[in-house]
Protein backbone atom coordinates (compact mmCIF):
# COMPACT_ATOMS: atom_id res chain seq x y z
CA UNK A 1 104.40 -1.33 -62.42
CA UNK A 2 105.77 0.04 -65.68
CA UNK A 3 109.33 -0.84 -64.65
CA UNK A 4 108.31 -4.45 -64.03
CA UNK A 5 106.70 -4.70 -67.46
CA UNK A 6 109.82 -3.31 -69.13
CA UNK A 7 112.08 -5.68 -67.21
CA UNK A 8 109.89 -8.66 -68.11
CA UNK A 9 109.82 -7.61 -71.81
CA UNK A 10 113.61 -7.31 -71.91
CA UNK A 11 114.03 -10.63 -70.18
CA UNK A 12 111.53 -12.43 -72.43
CA UNK A 13 112.35 -10.86 -75.77
CA UNK A 14 111.41 -13.97 -77.72
CA UNK A 15 107.87 -14.04 -76.26
CA UNK A 16 107.42 -10.34 -77.03
CA UNK A 17 108.50 -10.85 -80.64
CA UNK A 18 106.18 -13.85 -81.03
CA UNK A 19 103.29 -11.89 -79.52
CA UNK A 20 103.95 -9.00 -81.92
CA UNK A 21 103.97 -11.33 -84.92
CA UNK A 22 100.73 -12.96 -83.74
CA UNK A 23 99.08 -9.56 -83.37
CA UNK A 24 100.21 -8.54 -86.87
CA UNK A 25 98.89 -11.76 -88.36
CA UNK A 26 95.53 -11.38 -86.59
CA UNK A 27 95.26 -7.77 -87.76
CA UNK A 28 96.05 -8.71 -91.36
CA UNK A 29 93.35 -11.40 -91.24
CA UNK A 30 90.66 -9.14 -89.71
CA UNK A 31 91.18 -5.91 -91.66
CA UNK A 32 89.63 -7.22 -94.95
CA UNK A 33 86.53 -8.30 -93.01
CA UNK A 34 85.87 -4.91 -91.39
CA UNK A 35 82.83 -2.99 -92.66
CA UNK A 36 84.30 0.44 -93.23
CA UNK A 37 82.46 3.23 -95.09
CA UNK A 38 84.18 6.18 -96.63
CA UNK A 39 80.98 8.13 -95.92
CA UNK A 40 79.21 6.73 -92.82
CA UNK A 41 75.46 6.36 -93.29
CA UNK A 42 73.75 8.68 -90.80
CA UNK A 43 70.28 8.37 -92.35
CA UNK A 44 67.45 7.88 -89.88
CA UNK A 45 64.92 5.05 -90.07
CA UNK A 46 62.55 6.09 -92.85
CA UNK A 47 60.06 4.63 -95.31
CA UNK A 48 59.00 6.42 -98.49
CA UNK A 49 55.66 6.20 -100.28
CA UNK A 50 55.60 7.20 -103.96
CA UNK A 51 52.49 7.85 -106.03
CA UNK A 52 52.37 8.73 -109.72
CA UNK A 53 49.36 10.79 -110.77
CA UNK A 54 49.68 11.72 -114.45
CA UNK A 55 47.74 14.83 -115.44
CA UNK A 56 47.25 16.23 -111.95
CA UNK A 57 48.61 19.59 -110.85
CA UNK A 58 50.67 19.93 -107.67
CA UNK A 59 47.69 21.32 -105.74
CA UNK A 60 45.48 18.43 -106.80
CA UNK A 61 48.19 15.91 -105.88
CA UNK A 62 48.41 17.49 -102.43
CA UNK A 63 44.66 17.39 -101.83
CA UNK A 64 43.76 14.03 -103.35
CA UNK A 65 46.85 11.92 -102.56
CA UNK A 66 49.39 13.43 -100.19
CA UNK A 67 47.03 14.62 -97.46
CA UNK A 68 45.05 11.34 -97.09
CA UNK A 69 48.27 9.32 -96.83
CA UNK A 70 49.88 11.71 -94.36
CA UNK A 71 46.77 11.65 -92.15
CA UNK A 72 46.94 7.89 -91.59
CA UNK A 73 50.72 7.73 -91.16
CA UNK A 74 50.75 10.04 -88.13
CA UNK A 75 48.87 7.39 -86.14
CA UNK A 76 51.69 4.83 -86.44
CA UNK A 77 53.74 4.06 -83.31
CA UNK A 78 57.29 5.42 -82.98
CA UNK A 79 56.76 7.96 -85.79
CA UNK A 80 58.85 11.07 -85.30
CA UNK A 81 58.12 12.96 -88.51
CA UNK A 82 56.08 12.76 -91.71
CA UNK A 83 57.19 15.01 -94.54
CA UNK A 84 56.03 15.18 -98.14
CA UNK A 85 56.68 16.68 -101.55
CA UNK A 86 53.82 17.24 -104.00
CA UNK A 87 54.80 17.89 -107.59
CA UNK A 88 52.97 17.84 -110.87
CA UNK A 89 51.99 14.20 -111.33
CA UNK A 90 54.05 12.93 -108.37
CA UNK A 91 53.63 12.59 -104.59
CA UNK A 92 56.54 11.56 -102.35
CA UNK A 93 55.92 11.00 -98.63
CA UNK A 94 58.65 10.13 -96.13
CA UNK A 95 57.75 8.57 -92.78
CA UNK A 96 60.57 8.90 -90.21
CA UNK A 97 60.65 6.46 -87.27
CA UNK A 98 62.50 6.64 -83.96
CA UNK A 99 66.05 5.34 -83.78
CA UNK A 100 66.27 1.66 -82.97
CA UNK A 101 63.09 0.74 -84.88
CA UNK A 102 63.54 -2.29 -87.08
CA UNK A 103 63.29 -1.16 -90.71
CA UNK A 104 61.30 -4.22 -91.77
CA UNK A 105 58.86 -3.71 -88.89
CA UNK A 106 58.49 -0.06 -89.94
CA UNK A 107 57.81 -1.05 -93.54
CA UNK A 108 55.19 -3.55 -92.36
CA UNK A 109 53.42 -0.82 -90.36
CA UNK A 110 53.45 1.56 -93.32
CA UNK A 111 52.16 -1.17 -95.64
CA UNK A 112 49.21 -1.92 -93.34
CA UNK A 113 48.22 1.75 -93.01
CA UNK A 114 48.71 2.26 -96.73
CA UNK A 115 45.82 -0.09 -97.43
CA UNK A 116 43.51 2.19 -95.44
CA UNK A 117 44.85 5.27 -97.23
CA UNK A 118 44.11 3.76 -100.65
CA UNK A 119 40.40 3.70 -99.82
CA UNK A 120 40.44 7.49 -99.34
CA UNK A 121 42.08 8.18 -102.72
CA UNK A 122 39.62 8.56 -105.63
CA UNK A 123 39.72 5.66 -108.13
CA UNK A 124 41.96 6.17 -111.13
CA UNK A 125 43.93 9.01 -109.55
CA UNK A 126 47.00 7.01 -108.55
CA UNK A 127 48.18 3.95 -106.66
CA UNK A 128 50.59 4.63 -103.77
CA UNK A 129 53.52 2.24 -103.45
CA UNK A 130 56.35 1.94 -100.95
CA UNK A 131 59.78 2.86 -102.17
CA UNK A 132 62.78 0.50 -102.08
CA UNK A 133 64.54 -0.30 -98.82
CA UNK A 134 67.48 2.06 -99.26
CA UNK A 135 69.08 4.78 -97.18
CA UNK A 136 69.74 8.39 -98.01
CA UNK A 137 73.11 7.37 -99.41
CA UNK A 138 71.64 4.53 -101.46
CA UNK A 139 71.49 6.55 -104.66
CA UNK A 140 74.96 5.99 -106.01
CA UNK A 141 74.71 6.67 -109.72
CA UNK A 142 72.67 8.69 -112.19
CA UNK A 143 72.74 8.36 -115.94
CA UNK A 144 71.05 10.00 -118.91
CA UNK A 145 70.17 8.38 -122.21
CA UNK A 146 70.80 10.62 -125.20
CA UNK A 147 70.24 9.85 -128.87
CA UNK A 148 72.82 10.82 -131.45
CA UNK A 149 70.00 10.96 -133.99
CA UNK A 150 67.15 12.79 -132.24
CA UNK A 151 64.93 12.39 -135.29
CA UNK A 152 65.13 8.61 -135.06
CA UNK A 153 64.92 8.14 -131.29
CA UNK A 154 62.54 10.43 -129.44
CA UNK A 155 61.87 10.59 -125.68
CA UNK A 156 59.29 7.80 -126.01
CA UNK A 157 61.82 5.42 -127.57
CA UNK A 158 64.51 6.34 -125.04
CA UNK A 159 62.16 5.69 -122.09
CA UNK A 160 61.18 2.30 -123.55
CA UNK A 161 64.84 1.46 -124.14
CA UNK A 162 65.67 2.32 -120.52
CA UNK A 163 62.75 0.36 -119.04
CA UNK A 164 63.16 -2.80 -121.11
CA UNK A 165 66.89 -2.98 -121.83
CA UNK A 166 69.10 -0.83 -119.61
CA UNK A 167 67.27 -1.60 -116.36
CA UNK A 168 67.35 -5.33 -117.02
CA UNK A 169 71.12 -5.14 -117.55
CA UNK A 170 71.74 -3.17 -114.34
CA UNK A 171 69.49 -5.12 -111.96
CA UNK A 172 71.71 -8.27 -111.78
CA UNK A 173 74.71 -6.15 -110.71
CA UNK A 174 75.77 -6.94 -107.14
CA UNK A 175 74.53 -4.28 -104.70
CA UNK A 176 71.87 -2.77 -106.99
CA UNK A 177 68.46 -2.80 -105.27
CA UNK A 178 66.36 -0.93 -107.81
CA UNK A 179 66.70 1.25 -110.89
CA UNK A 180 64.22 4.13 -111.07
CA UNK A 181 63.22 5.86 -114.29
CA UNK A 182 62.45 9.56 -114.51
CA UNK A 183 61.46 11.64 -117.48
CA UNK A 184 60.59 10.66 -120.98
CA UNK A 185 57.20 9.43 -122.14
CA UNK A 186 55.82 6.00 -121.27
CA UNK A 187 54.41 4.14 -124.25
CA UNK A 188 50.64 3.78 -124.05
CA UNK A 189 47.66 3.11 -126.28
CA UNK A 190 44.69 5.47 -126.22
CA UNK A 191 41.16 5.07 -127.47
CA UNK A 192 39.52 8.35 -128.44
CA UNK A 193 35.77 7.95 -128.16
CA UNK A 194 33.34 9.91 -130.32
CA UNK A 195 30.42 10.94 -128.06
CA UNK A 196 28.04 11.36 -131.01
CA UNK A 197 28.63 7.87 -132.35
CA UNK A 198 28.33 6.40 -128.86
CA UNK A 199 24.92 8.05 -128.48
CA UNK A 200 23.83 6.80 -131.89
CA UNK A 201 24.56 3.21 -130.82
CA UNK A 202 23.12 3.70 -127.36
CA UNK A 203 26.43 3.02 -125.63
CA UNK A 204 28.15 4.69 -122.71
CA UNK A 205 31.84 5.23 -121.97
CA UNK A 206 31.64 2.44 -119.38
CA UNK A 207 30.38 0.04 -122.07
CA UNK A 208 33.30 0.98 -124.29
CA UNK A 209 35.83 0.50 -121.47
CA UNK A 210 34.33 -2.88 -120.61
CA UNK A 211 34.48 -4.03 -124.24
CA UNK A 212 38.12 -3.01 -124.54
CA UNK A 213 39.00 -4.77 -121.28
CA UNK A 214 37.29 -8.01 -122.30
CA UNK A 215 38.90 -7.87 -125.75
CA UNK A 216 42.40 -7.89 -124.21
CA UNK A 217 42.16 -11.25 -122.47
CA UNK A 218 44.90 -13.71 -123.28
CA UNK A 219 44.77 -17.50 -122.95
CA UNK A 220 46.84 -20.43 -124.11
CA UNK A 221 45.71 -22.85 -126.81
CA UNK A 222 46.67 -26.09 -128.48
CA UNK A 223 45.77 -27.79 -131.76
CA UNK A 224 42.75 -29.58 -133.19
CA UNK A 225 43.15 -33.20 -134.20
CA UNK A 226 41.56 -33.50 -137.69
CA UNK A 227 41.04 -37.25 -137.28
CA UNK A 228 38.96 -37.09 -134.13
CA UNK A 229 37.62 -33.58 -134.51
CA UNK A 230 38.31 -32.71 -130.87
CA UNK A 231 40.86 -30.43 -129.36
CA UNK A 232 43.66 -31.82 -127.24
CA UNK A 233 43.56 -28.82 -124.95
CA UNK A 234 40.90 -26.32 -123.95
CA UNK A 235 41.22 -23.06 -125.83
CA UNK A 236 39.74 -19.59 -125.68
CA UNK A 237 40.23 -16.37 -127.57
């Protein structure tokens, strides 16, 4: 059989050369379209649930947040493993599904069960949210913001700069799914209530919170026509 092939190739040298050139051209056209990874992604099918709980110790995070979420995730179909990390002010839960499970179907299952888990978490402790749809090799770059003049830019200013400037510049980059911020201090406004003065006015902390919430409403407005004395658009404070 091999002798016949060799005899035919020698006899039809032109066809062999043309076939070789066609194979080279096809290979040159297909190679740029191949999806090749320098580091093949061997991550299993997993969905993460992150919860920020400022002010809570690791033990409190485990009892109030991590355990209720883990308890409902074990009931999902095709779940192979549920693992978690409870840190000070942060809970990270990873739900691992069987191979072959569609990642979007898995995320839908976790989202549905997450609604039931939220009811078991005390109000104001933290709101669990699903992490981005990325693999274990999805984290490709880490950066740190440092200030040359530490007296002018503190950790609060650096965190605000990262959240409102750097992240917005990185998100449009092709291939970037999400930019996560860690560390620093998030800018916030606090109202320190004086219990004695609240008692003197007959108010409770709930009354104070309600007044602050109602005072922060925002609505659009227009102008008042001085000739007719009526507004051209409905307005509110």
